[in-house]
Each structure stands twice: as C-alpha cells, then as structure tokens.
Amino acid sequence: MSDGDLVELVRQAILTGVLVMLPVLLAGFIVALLTGLVQAATGIHEPLVGLAPRLMAMAAMLILAMPWMVEQCVEMFRAAAP
C-alpha cells in the first residue's frame, strides 16, 4: 500500500465517521436548542431538564439510525479491502 492510498483510506475513514455520527449529533443539537428556548422562556434553569431530553433523543436516534450506520461502516471496510 502506497502512502497516497493510506492517506486516502484515512481521509475516507474520517469522513465516514463524521457522516455516521451526524444524525445523532444533530438530534442532540436540535433538542438542546428547543429545551434551551423553553428554559429561557420559563425561567427554569435545572441542568437535568436540559440533559435528560437531549440524552433520550440521542439514544432514540442512535437506535433508529443504527442499521444505516452499520451499513455505512461496512461499505467503507469493503471498499478498503484489497
């Protein structure tokens, strides 16, 4: 394997990792934004009120997106195999 092939493989692995985690991170960001707005509007500033919905949304998205995430990783590994 040449240096150029290795660099391309690492680049593809990083991009695949970012792509695979993007739905979970976006779900957490959206829920955090909504709970932040609700907390600001109501004056409730409990850390647990912001953390619990975000964790539940990220866990739900992880469960829902897991088949797609595994498929993306398998495709990357198949493309990397000689």
N, C-alpha and C. Protein backbone atom coordinates (compact mmCIF):
# COMPACT_ATOMS: atom_id res chain seq x y z
N MET A 1 0.85 -1.16 0.00
CA MET A 1 0.00 0.00 0.00
C MET A 1 0.91 1.24 0.00
N SER A 2 0.65 2.11 -0.92
CA SER A 2 1.47 3.32 -1.02
C SER A 2 0.98 4.38 -0.02
N ASP A 3 1.78 5.40 0.12
CA ASP A 3 1.42 6.48 1.03
C ASP A 3 0.14 7.18 0.60
N GLY A 4 -0.01 7.35 -0.70
CA GLY A 4 -1.22 8.00 -1.22
C GLY A 4 -2.47 7.19 -0.92
N ASP A 5 -2.38 5.87 -1.03
CA ASP A 5 -3.53 5.00 -0.72
C ASP A 5 -3.88 5.08 0.76
N LEU A 6 -2.85 5.11 1.60
CA LEU A 6 -3.08 5.19 3.04
C LEU A 6 -3.73 6.51 3.43
N VAL A 7 -3.26 7.60 2.84
CA VAL A 7 -3.84 8.91 3.12
C VAL A 7 -5.30 8.94 2.68
N GLU A 8 -5.59 8.38 1.52
CA GLU A 8 -6.98 8.34 1.04
C GLU A 8 -7.85 7.48 1.94
N LEU A 9 -7.32 6.36 2.43
CA LEU A 9 -8.06 5.48 3.32
C LEU A 9 -8.38 6.18 4.64
N VAL A 10 -7.42 6.89 5.19
CA VAL A 10 -7.65 7.62 6.44
C VAL A 10 -8.65 8.75 6.23
N ARG A 11 -8.53 9.45 5.11
CA ARG A 11 -9.48 10.53 4.80
C ARG A 11 -10.90 9.98 4.69
N GLN A 12 -11.04 8.85 4.00
CA GLN A 12 -12.36 8.23 3.84
C GLN A 12 -12.91 7.76 5.18
N ALA A 13 -12.04 7.23 6.05
CA ALA A 13 -12.48 6.78 7.37
C ALA A 13 -12.97 7.94 8.22
N ILE A 14 -12.27 9.06 8.17
CA ILE A 14 -12.68 10.24 8.94
C ILE A 14 -14.01 10.77 8.42
N LEU A 15 -14.16 10.87 7.11
CA LEU A 15 -15.42 11.36 6.54
C LEU A 15 -16.58 10.43 6.86
N THR A 16 -16.34 9.12 6.80
CA THR A 16 -17.39 8.16 7.13
C THR A 16 -17.78 8.28 8.60
N GLY A 17 -16.80 8.45 9.48
CA GLY A 17 -17.09 8.62 10.91
C GLY A 17 -17.93 9.85 11.19
N VAL A 18 -17.60 10.94 10.52
CA VAL A 18 -18.37 12.18 10.69
C VAL A 18 -19.79 11.99 10.15
N LEU A 19 -19.91 11.37 9.00
CA LEU A 19 -21.22 11.15 8.38
C LEU A 19 -22.09 10.23 9.23
N VAL A 20 -21.47 9.22 9.82
CA VAL A 20 -22.23 8.25 10.62
C VAL A 20 -22.74 8.89 11.91
N MET A 21 -21.95 9.76 12.53
CA MET A 21 -22.37 10.36 13.80
C MET A 21 -23.23 11.61 13.63
N LEU A 22 -23.32 12.13 12.43
CA LEU A 22 -24.06 13.36 12.18
C LEU A 22 -25.53 13.30 12.61
N PRO A 23 -26.30 12.24 12.29
CA PRO A 23 -27.71 12.24 12.72
C PRO A 23 -27.87 12.30 14.24
N VAL A 24 -27.03 11.60 14.97
CA VAL A 24 -27.13 11.60 16.43
C VAL A 24 -26.78 12.98 16.99
N LEU A 25 -25.73 13.57 16.46
CA LEU A 25 -25.33 14.90 16.94
C LEU A 25 -26.36 15.96 16.58
N LEU A 26 -26.95 15.86 15.40
CA LEU A 26 -27.99 16.82 15.02
C LEU A 26 -29.22 16.69 15.90
N ALA A 27 -29.61 15.47 16.23
CA ALA A 27 -30.75 15.27 17.12
C ALA A 27 -30.47 15.90 18.48
N GLY A 28 -29.28 15.68 19.00
CA GLY A 28 -28.91 16.29 20.29
C GLY A 28 -28.90 17.80 20.22
N PHE A 29 -28.39 18.35 19.12
CA PHE A 29 -28.34 19.80 18.97
C PHE A 29 -29.74 20.40 18.89
N ILE A 30 -30.61 19.80 18.13
CA ILE A 30 -31.97 20.33 17.97
C ILE A 30 -32.73 20.28 19.29
N VAL A 31 -32.62 19.16 20.00
CA VAL A 31 -33.32 19.05 21.28
C VAL A 31 -32.71 20.01 22.30
N ALA A 32 -31.40 20.18 22.29
CA ALA A 32 -30.77 21.14 23.20
C ALA A 32 -31.22 22.56 22.91
N LEU A 33 -31.36 22.88 21.64
CA LEU A 33 -31.84 24.22 21.26
C LEU A 33 -33.27 24.44 21.74
N LEU A 34 -34.13 23.46 21.52
CA LEU A 34 -35.52 23.59 21.95
C LEU A 34 -35.65 23.66 23.47
N THR A 35 -34.93 22.79 24.18
CA THR A 35 -35.02 22.84 25.65
C THR A 35 -34.41 24.13 26.19
N GLY A 36 -33.38 24.64 25.53
CA GLY A 36 -32.80 25.91 25.94
C GLY A 36 -33.79 27.05 25.79
N LEU A 37 -34.53 27.04 24.69
CA LEU A 37 -35.55 28.07 24.49
C LEU A 37 -36.66 27.96 25.54
N VAL A 38 -37.08 26.73 25.83
CA VAL A 38 -38.13 26.54 26.83
C VAL A 38 -37.63 26.96 28.20
N GLN A 39 -36.39 26.61 28.52
CA GLN A 39 -35.84 27.01 29.83
C GLN A 39 -35.70 28.52 29.93
N ALA A 40 -35.31 29.16 28.86
CA ALA A 40 -35.20 30.62 28.89
C ALA A 40 -36.57 31.28 29.02
N ALA A 41 -37.56 30.70 28.38
CA ALA A 41 -38.90 31.29 28.43
C ALA A 41 -39.56 31.09 29.78
N THR A 42 -39.29 29.96 30.43
CA THR A 42 -39.96 29.66 31.69
C THR A 42 -39.15 30.05 32.91
N GLY A 43 -37.85 30.26 32.74
CA GLY A 43 -37.02 30.62 33.88
C GLY A 43 -36.52 29.41 34.65
N ILE A 44 -36.79 28.22 34.17
CA ILE A 44 -36.30 27.00 34.83
C ILE A 44 -34.90 26.73 34.30
N HIS A 45 -33.92 26.72 35.20
CA HIS A 45 -32.54 26.53 34.76
C HIS A 45 -31.91 25.33 35.47
N GLU A 46 -32.64 24.23 35.49
CA GLU A 46 -32.11 22.99 36.04
C GLU A 46 -31.29 22.27 34.98
N PRO A 47 -30.10 21.83 35.31
CA PRO A 47 -29.28 21.11 34.32
C PRO A 47 -29.92 19.80 33.85
N LEU A 48 -30.63 19.13 34.75
CA LEU A 48 -31.25 17.86 34.39
C LEU A 48 -32.37 18.04 33.37
N VAL A 49 -33.06 19.17 33.42
CA VAL A 49 -34.14 19.44 32.48
C VAL A 49 -33.58 19.57 31.06
N GLY A 50 -32.40 20.06 30.92
CA GLY A 50 -31.78 20.16 29.60
C GLY A 50 -31.08 18.89 29.18
N LEU A 51 -30.54 18.15 30.15
CA LEU A 51 -29.74 16.97 29.83
C LEU A 51 -30.59 15.75 29.49
N ALA A 52 -31.63 15.49 30.26
CA ALA A 52 -32.42 14.27 30.08
C ALA A 52 -33.08 14.18 28.70
N PRO A 53 -33.76 15.21 28.22
CA PRO A 53 -34.36 15.10 26.88
C PRO A 53 -33.31 14.94 25.77
N ARG A 54 -32.18 15.61 25.95
CA ARG A 54 -31.12 15.51 24.94
C ARG A 54 -30.57 14.09 24.88
N LEU A 55 -30.34 13.48 26.05
CA LEU A 55 -29.84 12.10 26.07
C LEU A 55 -30.85 11.12 25.50
N MET A 56 -32.13 11.33 25.83
CA MET A 56 -33.16 10.44 25.29
C MET A 56 -33.28 10.57 23.78
N ALA A 57 -33.21 11.79 23.27
CA ALA A 57 -33.30 11.99 21.82
C ALA A 57 -32.10 11.40 21.11
N MET A 58 -30.92 11.55 21.68
CA MET A 58 -29.73 10.99 21.05
C MET A 58 -29.74 9.47 21.09
N ALA A 59 -30.23 8.89 22.19
CA ALA A 59 -30.33 7.43 22.27
C ALA A 59 -31.36 6.90 21.28
N ALA A 60 -32.49 7.60 21.15
CA ALA A 60 -33.51 7.17 20.19
C ALA A 60 -32.99 7.26 18.76
N MET A 61 -32.29 8.33 18.44
CA MET A 61 -31.73 8.47 17.10
C MET A 61 -30.66 7.42 16.84
N LEU A 62 -29.89 7.10 17.85
CA LEU A 62 -28.86 6.06 17.71
C LEU A 62 -29.51 4.72 17.41
N ILE A 63 -30.59 4.41 18.09
CA ILE A 63 -31.29 3.15 17.84
C ILE A 63 -31.93 3.14 16.46
N LEU A 64 -32.54 4.25 16.07
CA LEU A 64 -33.19 4.32 14.76
C LEU A 64 -32.20 4.29 13.60
N ALA A 65 -31.06 4.93 13.77
CA ALA A 65 -30.10 5.05 12.68
C ALA A 65 -29.05 3.95 12.68
N MET A 66 -29.07 3.06 13.66
CA MET A 66 -28.02 2.05 13.76
C MET A 66 -27.89 1.17 12.51
N PRO A 67 -28.96 0.68 11.90
CA PRO A 67 -28.77 -0.12 10.69
C PRO A 67 -28.07 0.65 9.57
N TRP A 68 -28.43 1.90 9.39
CA TRP A 68 -27.79 2.72 8.37
C TRP A 68 -26.32 2.97 8.71
N MET A 69 -26.05 3.22 9.99
CA MET A 69 -24.68 3.48 10.43
C MET A 69 -23.79 2.26 10.20
N VAL A 70 -24.30 1.10 10.53
CA VAL A 70 -23.53 -0.14 10.32
C VAL A 70 -23.30 -0.36 8.84
N GLU A 71 -24.30 -0.11 8.03
CA GLU A 71 -24.16 -0.29 6.57
C GLU A 71 -23.09 0.64 6.00
N GLN A 72 -23.05 1.87 6.47
CA GLN A 72 -22.03 2.81 6.00
C GLN A 72 -20.63 2.35 6.38
N CYS A 73 -20.49 1.84 7.60
CA CYS A 73 -19.18 1.35 8.03
C CYS A 73 -18.77 0.10 7.25
N VAL A 74 -19.72 -0.79 6.99
CA VAL A 74 -19.42 -2.00 6.22
C VAL A 74 -19.00 -1.63 4.81
N GLU A 75 -19.69 -0.68 4.21
CA GLU A 75 -19.31 -0.24 2.86
C GLU A 75 -17.91 0.34 2.83
N MET A 76 -17.55 1.10 3.86
CA MET A 76 -16.21 1.66 3.91
C MET A 76 -15.16 0.56 4.02
N PHE A 77 -15.41 -0.43 4.88
CA PHE A 77 -14.46 -1.52 5.05
C PHE A 77 -14.36 -2.38 3.79
N ARG A 78 -15.48 -2.58 3.11
CA ARG A 78 -15.43 -3.35 1.85
C ARG A 78 -14.63 -2.61 0.79
N ALA A 79 -14.78 -1.30 0.74
CA ALA A 79 -14.02 -0.52 -0.23
C ALA A 79 -12.54 -0.52 0.11
N ALA A 80 -12.19 -0.64 1.37
CA ALA A 80 -10.80 -0.61 1.78
C ALA A 80 -10.11 -1.97 1.61
N ALA A 81 -10.90 -3.03 1.53
CA ALA A 81 -10.31 -4.38 1.41
C ALA A 81 -9.65 -4.53 0.05
N PRO A 82 -8.50 -5.18 0.02
CA PRO A 82 -7.79 -5.35 -1.27
C PRO A 82 -8.48 -6.32 -2.21
